[in-house]
């Protein structure tokens, strides 16, 4: 695996993070700093491993020390997670949860209002 291949892997993961998670930044490392809490631990560690390999690949001597199988596995982990994210679905689920919360609150307030009116003798 060459330095160009590793850099392309890191760029692909960074592009997916920008597209799916709306993270801005110059490169994978900057996006990881901004989006640490948005990724599960396993995916975050894989992305950090890929970022470290991309920085090591810039030096020809350090390129020989990179575990290519670990980098390929980290790349696959990141792609599998980021490829499965559905931004529109997550947004729709959040809106449905907010609407359900508001509807439940209105229902509880209505029941309490009726209970108070009955208790006070107006019903």
PDB file of N, CA and C in Angstrom:
ATOM      1  N   UNK A   1       0.853  -1.167   0.000  1.00  0.00           N
ATOM      2  CA  UNK A   1       0.000   0.000   0.000  1.00  0.00           C
ATOM      3  C   UNK A   1       0.900   1.231   0.000  1.00  0.00           C
ATOM      4  N   UNK A   2       0.632   2.142  -0.883  1.00  0.00           N
ATOM      5  CA  UNK A   2       1.492   3.310  -1.020  1.00  0.00           C
ATOM      6  C   UNK A   2       0.954   4.469  -0.181  1.00  0.00           C
ATOM      7  N   UNK A   3       1.776   5.503  -0.107  1.00  0.00           N
ATOM      8  CA  UNK A   3       1.389   6.692   0.649  1.00  0.00           C
ATOM      9  C   UNK A   3       0.181   7.368   0.013  1.00  0.00           C
ATOM     10  N   UNK A   4       0.099   7.321  -1.294  1.00  0.00           N
ATOM     11  CA  UNK A   4      -1.026   7.947  -2.003  1.00  0.00           C
ATOM     12  C   UNK A   4      -2.322   7.214  -1.680  1.00  0.00           C
ATOM     13  N   UNK A   5      -2.265   5.899  -1.614  1.00  0.00           N
ATOM     14  CA  UNK A   5      -3.454   5.106  -1.307  1.00  0.00           C
ATOM     15  C   UNK A   5      -3.963   5.409   0.103  1.00  0.00           C
ATOM     16  N   UNK A   6      -3.049   5.470   1.047  1.00  0.00           N
ATOM     17  CA  UNK A   6      -3.438   5.768   2.429  1.00  0.00           C
ATOM     18  C   UNK A   6      -4.028   7.161   2.520  1.00  0.00           C
ATOM     19  N   UNK A   7      -3.438   8.123   1.840  1.00  0.00           N
ATOM     20  CA  UNK A   7      -3.964   9.487   1.854  1.00  0.00           C
ATOM     21  C   UNK A   7      -5.353   9.540   1.205  1.00  0.00           C
ATOM     22  N   UNK A   8      -5.547   8.769   0.140  1.00  0.00           N
ATOM     23  CA  UNK A   8      -6.857   8.729  -0.501  1.00  0.00           C
ATOM     24  C   UNK A   8      -7.909   8.129   0.430  1.00  0.00           C
ATOM     25  N   UNK A   9      -7.514   7.122   1.200  1.00  0.00           N
ATOM     26  CA  UNK A   9      -8.435   6.550   2.181  1.00  0.00           C
ATOM     27  C   UNK A   9      -8.835   7.580   3.225  1.00  0.00           C
ATOM     28  N   UNK A  10      -7.846   8.308   3.734  1.00  0.00           N
ATOM     29  CA  UNK A  10      -8.132   9.339   4.739  1.00  0.00           C
ATOM     30  C   UNK A  10      -9.006  10.438   4.148  1.00  0.00           C
ATOM     31  N   UNK A  11      -8.744  10.828   2.908  1.00  0.00           N
ATOM     32  CA  UNK A  11      -9.558  11.859   2.264  1.00  0.00           C
ATOM     33  C   UNK A  11     -10.991  11.383   2.054  1.00  0.00           C
ATOM     34  N   UNK A  12     -11.174  10.119   1.711  1.00  0.00           N
ATOM     35  CA  UNK A  12     -12.525   9.569   1.506  1.00  0.00           C
ATOM     36  C   UNK A  12     -13.314   9.568   2.810  1.00  0.00           C
ATOM     37  N   UNK A  13     -12.673   9.160   3.901  1.00  0.00           N
ATOM     38  CA  UNK A  13     -13.344   9.158   5.202  1.00  0.00           C
ATOM     39  C   UNK A  13     -13.663  10.591   5.627  1.00  0.00           C
ATOM     40  N   UNK A  14     -12.740  11.523   5.383  1.00  0.00           N
ATOM     41  CA  UNK A  14     -12.993  12.926   5.715  1.00  0.00           C
ATOM     42  C   UNK A  14     -14.156  13.486   4.904  1.00  0.00           C
ATOM     43  N   UNK A  15     -14.239  13.115   3.633  1.00  0.00           N
ATOM     44  CA  UNK A  15     -15.346  13.585   2.797  1.00  0.00           C
ATOM     45  C   UNK A  15     -16.679  13.015   3.282  1.00  0.00           C
ATOM     46  N   UNK A  16     -16.685  11.757   3.689  1.00  0.00           N
ATOM     47  CA  UNK A  16     -17.913  11.170   4.222  1.00  0.00           C
ATOM     48  C   UNK A  16     -18.324  11.826   5.535  1.00  0.00           C
ATOM     49  N   UNK A  17     -17.351  12.166   6.368  1.00  0.00           N
ATOM     50  CA  UNK A  17     -17.673  12.844   7.626  1.00  0.00           C
ATOM     51  C   UNK A  17     -18.273  14.217   7.358  1.00  0.00           C
ATOM     52  N   UNK A  18     -17.750  14.891   6.346  1.00  0.00           N
ATOM     53  CA  UNK A  18     -18.300  16.205   6.005  1.00  0.00           C
ATOM     54  C   UNK A  18     -19.705  16.070   5.433  1.00  0.00           C
ATOM     55  N   UNK A  19     -19.903  15.069   4.596  1.00  0.00           N
ATOM     56  CA  UNK A  19     -21.198  14.886   3.940  1.00  0.00           C
ATOM     57  C   UNK A  19     -22.264  14.393   4.911  1.00  0.00           C
ATOM     58  N   UNK A  20     -21.942  13.394   5.711  1.00  0.00           N
ATOM     59  CA  UNK A  20     -22.950  12.751   6.556  1.00  0.00           C
ATOM     60  C   UNK A  20     -23.114  13.415   7.915  1.00  0.00           C
ATOM     61  N   UNK A  21     -22.027  13.919   8.489  1.00  0.00           N
ATOM     62  CA  UNK A  21     -22.085  14.496   9.828  1.00  0.00           C
ATOM     63  C   UNK A  21     -22.020  16.013   9.835  1.00  0.00           C
ATOM     64  N   UNK A  22     -21.854  16.616   8.662  1.00  0.00           N
ATOM     65  CA  UNK A  22     -21.770  18.076   8.531  1.00  0.00           C
ATOM     66  C   UNK A  22     -20.611  18.656   9.336  1.00  0.00           C
ATOM     67  N   UNK A  23     -19.477  17.980   9.309  1.00  0.00           N
ATOM     68  CA  UNK A  23     -18.285  18.456  10.010  1.00  0.00           C
ATOM     69  C   UNK A  23     -17.387  19.193   9.034  1.00  0.00           C
ATOM     70  N   UNK A  24     -16.944  20.349   9.425  1.00  0.00           N
ATOM     71  CA  UNK A  24     -16.037  21.139   8.597  1.00  0.00           C
ATOM     72  C   UNK A  24     -14.631  21.037   9.172  1.00  0.00           C
ATOM     73  N   UNK A  25     -13.669  21.256   8.324  1.00  0.00           N
ATOM     74  CA  UNK A  25     -12.286  21.228   8.764  1.00  0.00           C
ATOM     75  C   UNK A  25     -11.385  20.852   7.608  1.00  0.00           C
ATOM     76  N   UNK A  26     -10.110  21.103   7.787  1.00  0.00           N
ATOM     77  CA  UNK A  26      -9.130  20.794   6.747  1.00  0.00           C
ATOM     78  C   UNK A  26      -8.506  19.448   7.065  1.00  0.00           C
ATOM     79  N   UNK A  27      -9.046  18.397   6.502  1.00  0.00           N
ATOM     80  CA  UNK A  27      -8.469  17.080   6.686  1.00  0.00           C
ATOM     81  C   UNK A  27      -9.184  16.267   7.748  1.00  0.00           C
ATOM     82  N   UNK A  28      -8.794  15.022   7.819  1.00  0.00           N
ATOM     83  CA  UNK A  28      -9.432  14.070   8.716  1.00  0.00           C
ATOM     84  C   UNK A  28      -9.172  14.401  10.180  1.00  0.00           C
ATOM     85  N   UNK A  29      -7.970  14.807  10.498  1.00  0.00           N
ATOM     86  CA  UNK A  29      -7.625  15.083  11.894  1.00  0.00           C
ATOM     87  C   UNK A  29      -8.451  16.234  12.461  1.00  0.00           C
ATOM     88  N   UNK A  30      -8.644  17.290  11.689  1.00  0.00           N
ATOM     89  CA  UNK A  30      -9.429  18.433  12.156  1.00  0.00           C
ATOM     90  C   UNK A  30     -10.901  18.051  12.323  1.00  0.00           C
ATOM     91  N   UNK A  31     -11.410  17.227  11.435  1.00  0.00           N
ATOM     92  CA  UNK A  31     -12.799  16.794  11.533  1.00  0.00           C
ATOM     93  C   UNK A  31     -13.006  15.870  12.721  1.00  0.00           C
ATOM     94  N   UNK A  32     -12.000  15.071  13.038  1.00  0.00           N
ATOM     95  CA  UNK A  32     -12.097  14.205  14.206  1.00  0.00           C
ATOM     96  C   UNK A  32     -12.128  15.013  15.496  1.00  0.00           C
ATOM     97  N   UNK A  33     -11.379  16.094  15.549  1.00  0.00           N
ATOM     98  CA  UNK A  33     -11.388  16.936  16.747  1.00  0.00           C
ATOM     99  C   UNK A  33     -12.758  17.568  16.962  1.00  0.00           C
ATOM    100  N   UNK A  34     -13.409  17.962  15.878  1.00  0.00           N
ATOM    101  CA  UNK A  34     -14.718  18.605  15.996  1.00  0.00           C
ATOM    102  C   UNK A  34     -15.843  17.611  16.277  1.00  0.00           C
ATOM    103  N   UNK A  35     -15.727  16.419  15.743  1.00  0.00           N
ATOM    104  CA  UNK A  35     -16.827  15.475  15.838  1.00  0.00           C
ATOM    105  C   UNK A  35     -16.566  14.281  16.717  1.00  0.00           C
ATOM    106  N   UNK A  36     -15.804  14.436  17.769  1.00  0.00           N
ATOM    107  CA  UNK A  36     -15.450  13.305  18.629  1.00  0.00           C
ATOM    108  C   UNK A  36     -16.685  12.623  19.207  1.00  0.00           C
ATOM    109  N   UNK A  37     -17.665  13.396  19.641  1.00  0.00           N
ATOM    110  CA  UNK A  37     -18.831  12.828  20.314  1.00  0.00           C
ATOM    111  C   UNK A  37     -19.861  12.273  19.340  1.00  0.00           C
ATOM    112  N   UNK A  38     -19.721  12.551  18.061  1.00  0.00           N
ATOM    113  CA  UNK A  38     -20.693  12.081  17.081  1.00  0.00           C
ATOM    114  C   UNK A  38     -20.405  10.656  16.620  1.00  0.00           C
ATOM    115  N   UNK A  39     -19.226  10.169  16.892  1.00  0.00           N
ATOM    116  CA  UNK A  39     -18.832   8.842  16.420  1.00  0.00           C
ATOM    117  C   UNK A  39     -18.743   7.874  17.594  1.00  0.00           C
ATOM    118  N   UNK A  40     -19.131   6.629  17.384  1.00  0.00           N
ATOM    119  CA  UNK A  40     -18.909   5.617  18.424  1.00  0.00           C
ATOM    120  C   UNK A  40     -17.414   5.400  18.649  1.00  0.00           C
ATOM    121  N   UNK A  41     -17.078   4.862  19.797  1.00  0.00           N
ATOM    122  CA  UNK A  41     -15.669   4.705  20.163  1.00  0.00           C
ATOM    123  C   UNK A  41     -14.898   3.876  19.140  1.00  0.00           C
ATOM    124  N   UNK A  42     -15.479   2.772  18.696  1.00  0.00           N
ATOM    125  CA  UNK A  42     -14.791   1.891  17.754  1.00  0.00           C
ATOM    126  C   UNK A  42     -14.486   2.617  16.446  1.00  0.00           C
ATOM    127  N   UNK A  43     -15.441   3.380  15.954  1.00  0.00           N
ATOM    128  CA  UNK A  43     -15.255   4.110  14.695  1.00  0.00           C
ATOM    129  C   UNK A  43     -14.278   5.259  14.897  1.00  0.00           C
ATOM    130  N   UNK A  44     -14.378   5.941  16.036  1.00  0.00           N
ATOM    131  CA  UNK A  44     -13.471   7.050  16.312  1.00  0.00           C
ATOM    132  C   UNK A  44     -12.022   6.571  16.386  1.00  0.00           C
ATOM    133  N   UNK A  45     -11.796   5.426  17.051  1.00  0.00           N
ATOM    134  CA  UNK A  45     -10.440   4.888  17.142  1.00  0.00           C
ATOM    135  C   UNK A  45      -9.926   4.459  15.773  1.00  0.00           C
ATOM    136  N   UNK A  46     -10.806   3.893  14.958  1.00  0.00           N
ATOM    137  CA  UNK A  46     -10.396   3.498  13.611  1.00  0.00           C
ATOM    138  C   UNK A  46     -10.043   4.717  12.773  1.00  0.00           C
ATOM    139  N   UNK A  47     -10.819   5.780  12.891  1.00  0.00           N
ATOM    140  CA  UNK A  47     -10.528   7.004  12.140  1.00  0.00           C
ATOM    141  C   UNK A  47      -9.229   7.648  12.627  1.00  0.00           C
ATOM    142  N   UNK A  48      -8.985   7.593  13.928  1.00  0.00           N
ATOM    143  CA  UNK A  48      -7.724   8.135  14.450  1.00  0.00           C
ATOM    144  C   UNK A  48      -6.536   7.314  13.952  1.00  0.00           C
ATOM    145  N   UNK A  49      -6.702   5.989  13.882  1.00  0.00           N
ATOM    146  CA  UNK A  49      -5.641   5.123  13.365  1.00  0.00           C
ATOM    147  C   UNK A  49      -5.361   5.447  11.897  1.00  0.00           C
ATOM    148  N   UNK A  50      -6.427   5.691  11.148  1.00  0.00           N
ATOM    149  CA  UNK A  50      -6.267   6.040   9.731  1.00  0.00           C
ATOM    150  C   UNK A  50      -5.605   7.406   9.566  1.00  0.00           C
ATOM    151  N   UNK A  51      -5.969   8.349  10.419  1.00  0.00           N
ATOM    152  CA  UNK A  51      -5.358   9.675  10.365  1.00  0.00           C
ATOM    153  C   UNK A  51      -3.868   9.605  10.714  1.00  0.00           C
ATOM    154  N   UNK A  52      -3.550   8.809  11.713  1.00  0.00           N
ATOM    155  CA  UNK A  52      -2.146   8.657  12.094  1.00  0.00           C
ATOM    156  C   UNK A  52      -1.352   7.991  10.976  1.00  0.00           C
ATOM    157  N   UNK A  53      -1.945   6.995  10.323  1.00  0.00           N
ATOM    158  CA  UNK A  53      -1.254   6.325   9.215  1.00  0.00           C
ATOM    159  C   UNK A  53      -1.043   7.283   8.050  1.00  0.00           C
ATOM    160  N   UNK A  54      -2.021   8.168   7.813  1.00  0.00           N
ATOM    161  CA  UNK A  54      -1.862   9.142   6.723  1.00  0.00           C
ATOM    162  C   UNK A  54      -0.734  10.115   7.015  1.00  0.00           C
ATOM    163  N   UNK A  55      -0.592  10.511   8.269  1.00  0.00           N
ATOM    164  CA  UNK A  55       0.510  11.418   8.600  1.00  0.00           C
ATOM    165  C   UNK A  55       1.855  10.683   8.564  1.00  0.00           C
ATOM    166  N   UNK A  56       1.875   9.417   8.961  1.00  0.00           N
ATOM    167  CA  UNK A  56       3.115   8.634   8.898  1.00  0.00           C
ATOM    168  C   UNK A  56       3.519   8.345   7.455  1.00  0.00           C
ATOM    169  N   UNK A  57       2.551   8.254   6.576  1.00  0.00           N
ATOM    170  CA  UNK A  57       2.837   7.915   5.177  1.00  0.00           C
ATOM    171  C   UNK A  57       3.569   9.039   4.452  1.00  0.00           C
ATOM    172  N   UNK A  58       3.597  10.216   5.001  1.00  0.00           N
ATOM    173  CA  UNK A  58       4.303  11.333   4.375  1.00  0.00           C
ATOM    174  C   UNK A  58       5.818  11.155   4.437  1.00  0.00           C
ATOM    175  N   UNK A  59       6.280  10.370   5.424  1.00  0.00           N
ATOM    176  CA  UNK A  59       7.707  10.117   5.588  1.00  0.00           C
ATOM    177  C   UNK A  59       8.019   8.717   5.044  1.00  0.00           C
ATOM    178  N   UNK A  60       8.942   8.589   4.089  1.00  0.00           N
ATOM    179  CA  UNK A  60       9.221   7.277   3.489  1.00  0.00           C
ATOM    180  C   UNK A  60       9.701   6.221   4.488  1.00  0.00           C
ATOM    181  N   UNK A  61      10.432   6.612   5.506  1.00  0.00           N
ATOM    182  CA  UNK A  61      10.906   5.632   6.480  1.00  0.00           C
ATOM    183  C   UNK A  61       9.767   5.151   7.376  1.00  0.00           C
ATOM    184  N   UNK A  62       8.879   6.067   7.736  1.00  0.00           N
ATOM    185  CA  UNK A  62       7.755   5.677   8.576  1.00  0.00           C
ATOM    186  C   UNK A  62       6.696   4.903   7.786  1.00  0.00           C
ATOM    187  N   UNK A  63       6.690   5.076   6.477  1.00  0.00           N
ATOM    188  CA  UNK A  63       5.735   4.357   5.638  1.00  0.00           C
ATOM    189  C   UNK A  63       5.937   2.855   5.751  1.00  0.00           C
ATOM    190  N   UNK A  64       7.181   2.423   5.934  1.00  0.00           N
ATOM    191  CA  UNK A  64       7.470   0.998   6.052  1.00  0.00           C
ATOM    192  C   UNK A  64       6.974   0.415   7.373  1.00  0.00           C
ATOM    193  N   UNK A  65       6.733   1.253   8.372  1.00  0.00           N
ATOM    194  CA  UNK A  65       6.305   0.783   9.687  1.00  0.00           C
ATOM    195  C   UNK A  65       4.783   0.679   9.812  1.00  0.00           C
ATOM    196  N   UNK A  66       4.055   1.132   8.825  1.00  0.00           N
ATOM    197  CA  UNK A  66       2.599   1.137   8.885  1.00  0.00           C
ATOM    198  C   UNK A  66       2.077  -0.286   8.686  1.00  0.00           C
ATOM    199  N   UNK A  67       1.174  -0.706   9.563  1.00  0.00           N
ATOM    200  CA  UNK A  67       0.515  -2.002   9.422  1.00  0.00           C
ATOM    201  C   UNK A  67      -0.625  -1.847   8.421  1.00  0.00           C
ATOM    202  N   UNK A  68      -0.412  -2.365   7.229  1.00  0.00           N
ATOM    203  CA  UNK A  68      -1.355  -2.153   6.134  1.00  0.00           C
ATOM    204  C   UNK A  68      -2.695  -2.841   6.380  1.00  0.00           C
ATOM    205  N   UNK A  69      -2.674  -3.986   7.019  1.00  0.00           N
ATOM    206  CA  UNK A  69      -3.924  -4.686   7.309  1.00  0.00           C
ATOM    207  C   UNK A  69      -4.761  -3.924   8.321  1.00  0.00           C
ATOM    208  N   UNK A  70      -4.102  -3.334   9.325  1.00  0.00           N
ATOM    209  CA  UNK A  70      -4.827  -2.556  10.324  1.00  0.00           C
ATOM    210  C   UNK A  70      -5.429  -1.297   9.698  1.00  0.00           C
ATOM    211  N   UNK A  71      -4.697  -0.687   8.779  1.00  0.00           N
ATOM    212  CA  UNK A  71      -5.202   0.507   8.101  1.00  0.00           C
ATOM    213  C   UNK A  71      -6.399   0.152   7.223  1.00  0.00           C
ATOM    214  N   UNK A  72      -6.315  -0.971   6.524  1.00  0.00           N
ATOM    215  CA  UNK A  72      -7.434  -1.401   5.684  1.00  0.00           C
ATOM    216  C   UNK A  72      -8.655  -1.738   6.532  1.00  0.00           C
ATOM    217  N   UNK A  73      -8.447  -2.371   7.685  1.00  0.00           N
ATOM    218  CA  UNK A  73      -9.565  -2.692   8.574  1.00  0.00           C
ATOM    219  C   UNK A  73     -10.180  -1.414   9.152  1.00  0.00           C
ATOM    220  N   UNK A  74      -9.345  -0.448   9.504  1.00  0.00           N
ATOM    221  CA  UNK A  74      -9.858   0.824  10.027  1.00  0.00           C
ATOM    222  C   UNK A  74     -10.664   1.556   8.962  1.00  0.00           C
ATOM    223  N   UNK A  75     -10.183   1.527   7.745  1.00  0.00           N
ATOM    224  CA  UNK A  75     -10.896   2.159   6.632  1.00  0.00           C
ATOM    225  C   UNK A  75     -12.257   1.503   6.417  1.00  0.00           C
ATOM    226  N   UNK A  76     -12.291   0.179   6.463  1.00  0.00           N
ATOM    227  CA  UNK A  76     -13.553  -0.538   6.293  1.00  0.00           C
ATOM    228  C   UNK A  76     -14.535  -0.219   7.415  1.00  0.00           C
ATOM    229  N   UNK A  77     -14.030  -0.132   8.643  1.00  0.00           N
ATOM    230  CA  UNK A  77     -14.888   0.203   9.781  1.00  0.00           C
ATOM    231  C   UNK A  77     -15.497   1.583   9.607  1.00  0.00           C
ATOM    232  N   UNK A  78     -14.695   2.546   9.214  1.00  0.00           N
ATOM    233  CA  UNK A  78     -15.190   3.913   9.019  1.00  0.00           C
ATOM    234  C   UNK A  78     -16.207   3.974   7.884  1.00  0.00           C
ATOM    235  N   UNK A  79     -15.908   3.307   6.782  1.00  0.00           N
ATOM    236  CA  UNK A  79     -16.838   3.323   5.648  1.00  0.00           C
ATOM    237  C   UNK A  79     -18.148   2.637   5.991  1.00  0.00           C
ATOM    238  N   UNK A  80     -18.090   1.543   6.711  1.00  0.00           N
ATOM    239  CA  UNK A  80     -19.297   0.817   7.074  1.00  0.00           C
ATOM    240  C   UNK A  80     -20.202   1.682   7.959  1.00  0.00           C
ATOM    241  N   UNK A  81     -19.613   2.387   8.915  1.00  0.00           N
ATOM    242  CA  UNK A  81     -20.422   3.219   9.804  1.00  0.00           C
ATOM    243  C   UNK A  81     -20.945   4.465   9.083  1.00  0.00           C
ATOM    244  N   UNK A  82     -20.061   5.174   8.409  1.00  0.00           N
ATOM    245  CA  UNK A  82     -20.471   6.426   7.776  1.00  0.00           C
ATOM    246  C   UNK A  82     -21.370   6.192   6.569  1.00  0.00           C
ATOM    247  N   UNK A  83     -21.219   5.067   5.913  1.00  0.00           N
ATOM    248  CA  UNK A  83     -22.082   4.761   4.779  1.00  0.00           C
ATOM    249  C   UNK A  83     -23.498   4.439   5.202  1.00  0.00           C
ATOM    250  N   UNK A  84     -23.668   3.957   6.414  1.00  0.00           N
ATOM    251  CA  UNK A  84     -24.988   3.580   6.899  1.00  0.00           C
ATOM    252  C   UNK A  84     -25.773   4.715   7.512  1.00  0.00           C
ATOM    253  N   UNK A  85     -25.157   5.863   7.691  1.00  0.00           N
ATOM    254  CA  UNK A  85     -25.866   6.994   8.289  1.00  0.00           C
ATOM    255  C   UNK A  85     -26.812   7.619   7.282  1.00  0.00           C
ATOM    256  N   UNK A  86     -28.021   7.898   7.733  1.00  0.00           N
ATOM    257  CA  UNK A  86     -29.027   8.534   6.898  1.00  0.00           C
ATOM    258  C   UNK A  86     -29.382   9.868   7.545  1.00  0.00           C
ATOM    259  N   UNK A  87     -28.916  10.947   6.974  1.00  0.00           N
ATOM    260  CA  UNK A  87     -29.107  12.272   7.560  1.00  0.00           C
ATOM    261  C   UNK A  87     -30.585  12.645   7.576  1.00  0.00           C
ATOM    262  N   UNK A  88     -31.281  12.404   6.490  1.00  0.00           N
ATOM    263  CA  UNK A  88     -32.701  12.772   6.424  1.00  0.00           C
ATOM    264  C   UNK A  88     -33.516  11.937   7.402  1.00  0.00           C
ATOM    265  N   UNK A  89     -33.189  10.674   7.530  1.00  0.00           N
ATOM    266  CA  UNK A  89     -33.901   9.816   8.475  1.00  0.00           C
ATOM    267  C   UNK A  89     -33.682  10.238   9.911  1.00  0.00           C
ATOM    268  N   UNK A  90     -32.452  10.611  10.246  1.00  0.00           N
ATOM    269  CA  UNK A  90     -32.166  11.076  11.604  1.00  0.00           C
ATOM    270  C   UNK A  90     -32.910  12.364  11.910  1.00  0.00           C
ATOM    271  N   UNK A  91     -32.989  13.254  10.930  1.00  0.00           N
ATOM    272  CA  UNK A  91     -33.703  14.518  11.113  1.00  0.00           C
ATOM    273  C   UNK A  91     -35.202  14.269  11.299  1.00  0.00           C
ATOM    274  N   UNK A  92     -35.762  13.364  10.493  1.00  0.00           N
ATOM    275  CA  UNK A  92     -37.183  13.050  10.595  1.00  0.00           C
ATOM    276  C   UNK A  92     -37.495  12.397  11.941  1.00  0.00           C
ATOM    277  N   UNK A  93     -36.631  11.513  12.398  1.00  0.00           N
ATOM    278  CA  UNK A  93     -36.827  10.878  13.694  1.00  0.00           C
ATOM    279  C   UNK A  93     -36.791  11.908  14.821  1.00  0.00           C
ATOM    280  N   UNK A  94     -35.892  12.865  14.735  1.00  0.00           N
ATOM    281  CA  UNK A  94     -35.818  13.909  15.751  1.00  0.00           C
ATOM    282  C   UNK A  94     -37.089  14.756  15.756  1.00  0.00           C
ATOM    283  N   UNK A  95     -37.606  15.102  14.578  1.00  0.00           N
ATOM    284  CA  UNK A  95     -38.847  15.876  14.511  1.00  0.00           C
ATOM    285  C   UNK A  95     -40.030  15.096  15.067  1.00  0.00           C
ATOM    286  N   UNK A  96     -40.105  13.810  14.775  1.00  0.00           N
ATOM    287  CA  UNK A  96     -41.192  12.983  15.306  1.00  0.00           C
ATOM    288  C   UNK A  96     -41.092  12.884  16.825  1.00  0.00           C
ATOM    289  N   UNK A  97     -39.892  12.754  17.351  1.00  0.00           N
ATOM    290  CA  UNK A  97     -39.715  12.699  18.805  1.00  0.00           C
ATOM    291  C   UNK A  97     -40.139  14.000  19.475  1.00  0.00           C
ATOM    292  N   UNK A  98     -39.821  15.130  18.868  1.00  0.00           N
ATOM    293  CA  UNK A  98     -40.223  16.428  19.422  1.00  0.00           C
ATOM    294  C   UNK A  98     -41.741  16.566  19.392  1.00  0.00           C
ATOM    295  N   UNK A  99     -42.361  16.189  18.284  1.00  0.00           N
ATOM    296  CA  UNK A  99     -43.822  16.284  18.170  1.00  0.00           C
ATOM    297  C   UNK A  99     -44.507  15.365  19.185  1.00  0.00           C
ATOM    298  N   UNK A 100     -43.977  14.169  19.388  1.00  0.00           N
ATOM    299  CA  UNK A 100     -44.561  13.252  20.369  1.00  0.00           C
ATOM    300  C   UNK A 100     -44.426  13.797  21.784  1.00  0.00           C
ATOM    301  N   UNK A 101     -43.317  14.422  22.079  1.00  0.00           N
ATOM    302  CA  UNK A 101     -43.105  15.012  23.400  1.00  0.00           C
ATOM    303  C   UNK A 101     -44.095  16.152  23.653  1.00  0.00           C
ATOM    304  N   UNK A 102     -44.292  16.991  22.645  1.00  0.00           N
ATOM    305  CA  UNK A 102     -45.240  18.101  22.782  1.00  0.00           C
ATOM    306  C   UNK A 102     -46.665  17.573  22.949  1.00  0.00           C
ATOM    307  N   UNK A 103     -47.033  16.558  22.167  1.00  0.00           N
ATOM    308  CA  UNK A 103     -48.378  15.989  22.261  1.00  0.00           C
ATOM    309  C   UNK A 103     -48.615  15.367  23.637  1.00  0.00           C
ATOM    310  N   UNK A 104     -47.632  14.667  24.162  1.00  0.00           N
ATOM    311  CA  UNK A 104     -47.767  14.082  25.499  1.00  0.00           C
ATOM    312  C   UNK A 104     -47.910  15.161  26.557  1.00  0.00           C
ATOM    313  N   UNK A 105     -47.148  16.235  26.442  1.00  0.00           N
ATOM    314  CA  UNK A 105     -47.244  17.336  27.410  1.00  0.00           C
ATOM    315  C   UNK A 105     -48.624  17.983  27.374  1.00  0.00           C
ATOM    316  N   UNK A 106     -49.153  18.197  26.184  1.00  0.00           N
ATOM    317  CA  UNK A 106     -50.494  18.788  26.055  1.00  0.00           C
ATOM    318  C   UNK A 106     -51.539  17.855  26.663  1.00  0.00           C
ATOM    319  N   UNK A 107     -51.412  16.565  26.448  1.00  0.00           N
ATOM    320  CA  UNK A 107     -52.343  15.594  27.014  1.00  0.00           C
ATOM    321  C   UNK A 107     -52.306  15.614  28.538  1.00  0.00           C
ATOM    322  N   UNK A 108     -51.122  15.634  29.120  1.00  0.00           N
ATOM    323  CA  UNK A 108     -50.987  15.658  30.577  1.00  0.00           C
ATOM    324  C   UNK A 108     -51.583  16.937  31.149  1.00  0.00           C
ATOM    325  N   UNK A 109     -51.328  18.077  30.528  1.00  0.00           N
ATOM    326  CA  UNK A 109     -51.876  19.348  31.009  1.00  0.00           C
ATOM    327  C   UNK A 109     -53.402  19.330  30.914  1.00  0.00           C
ATOM    328  N   UNK A 110     -53.934  18.774  29.830  1.00  0.00           N
ATOM    329  CA  UNK A 110     -55.394  18.684  29.687  1.00  0.00           C
ATOM    330  C   UNK A 110     -56.019  17.814  30.757  1.00  0.00           C
ATOM    331  N   UNK A 111     -55.420  16.663  31.047  1.00  0.00           N
ATOM    332  CA  UNK A 111     -55.945  15.780  32.092  1.00  0.00           C
ATOM    333  C   UNK A 111     -55.865  16.463  33.448  1.00  0.00           C
ATOM    334  N   UNK A 112     -54.767  17.128  33.724  1.00  0.00           N
ATOM    335  CA  UNK A 112     -54.640  17.848  34.998  1.00  0.00           C
ATOM    336  C   UNK A 112     -55.661  18.978  35.101  1.00  0.00           C
ATOM    337  N   UNK A 113     -55.917  19.668  34.019  1.00  0.00           N
ATOM    338  CA  UNK A 113     -56.917  20.742  34.022  1.00  0.00           C
ATOM    339  C   UNK A 113     -58.308  20.185  34.316  1.00  0.00           C
ATOM    340  N   UNK A 114     -58.649  19.090  33.672  1.00  0.00           N
ATOM    341  CA  UNK A 114     -59.941  18.457  33.936  1.00  0.00           C
ATOM    342  C   UNK A 114     -60.038  17.954  35.377  1.00  0.00           C
ATOM    343  N   UNK A 115     -58.960  17.413  35.918  1.00  0.00           N
ATOM    344  CA  UNK A 115     -58.955  16.942  37.309  1.00  0.00           C
ATOM    345  C   UNK A 115     -59.153  18.097  38.276  1.00  0.00           C
ATOM    346  N   UNK A 116     -58.513  19.225  38.031  1.00  0.00           N
ATOM    347  CA  UNK A 116     -58.656  20.386  38.908  1.00  0.00           C
ATOM    348  C   UNK A 116     -60.084  20.944  38.800  1.00  0.00           C
ATOM    349  N   UNK A 117     -60.624  21.029  37.614  1.00  0.00           N
ATOM    350  CA  UNK A 117     -61.996  21.528  37.439  1.00  0.00           C
ATOM    351  C   UNK A 117     -62.991  20.601  38.139  1.00  0.00           C
ATOM    352  N   UNK A 118     -62.803  19.311  38.068  1.00  0.00           N
ATOM    353  CA  UNK A 118     -63.691  18.370  38.742  1.00  0.00           C
ATOM    354  C   UNK A 118     -63.555  18.485  40.262  1.00  0.00           C
ATOM    355  N   UNK A 119     -62.315  18.617  40.714  1.00  0.00           N
ATOM    356  CA  UNK A 119     -62.053  18.703  42.159  1.00  0.00           C
ATOM    357  C   UNK A 119     -62.647  19.982  42.756  1.00  0.00           C
ATOM    358  N   UNK A 120     -62.621  21.086  41.997  1.00  0.00           N
ATOM    359  CA  UNK A 120     -63.143  22.366  42.460  1.00  0.00           C
ATOM    360  C   UNK A 120     -64.668  22.448  42.314  1.00  0.00           C
ATOM    361  N   UNK A 121     -65.266  21.507  41.616  1.00  0.00           N
ATOM    362  CA  UNK A 121     -66.722  21.474  41.515  1.00  0.00           C
ATOM    363  C   UNK A 121     -67.289  22.144  40.306  1.00  0.00           C
ATOM    364  N   UNK A 122     -66.491  22.487  39.327  1.00  0.00           N
ATOM    365  CA  UNK A 122     -66.989  23.142  38.122  1.00  0.00           C
ATOM    366  C   UNK A 122     -67.490  22.120  37.099  1.00  0.00           C
ATOM    367  N   UNK A 123     -67.176  20.863  37.275  1.00  0.00           N
ATOM    368  CA  UNK A 123     -67.662  19.819  36.360  1.00  0.00           C
ATOM    369  C   UNK A 123     -68.542  18.849  37.099  1.00  0.00           C
TER     370      UNK A 123
END
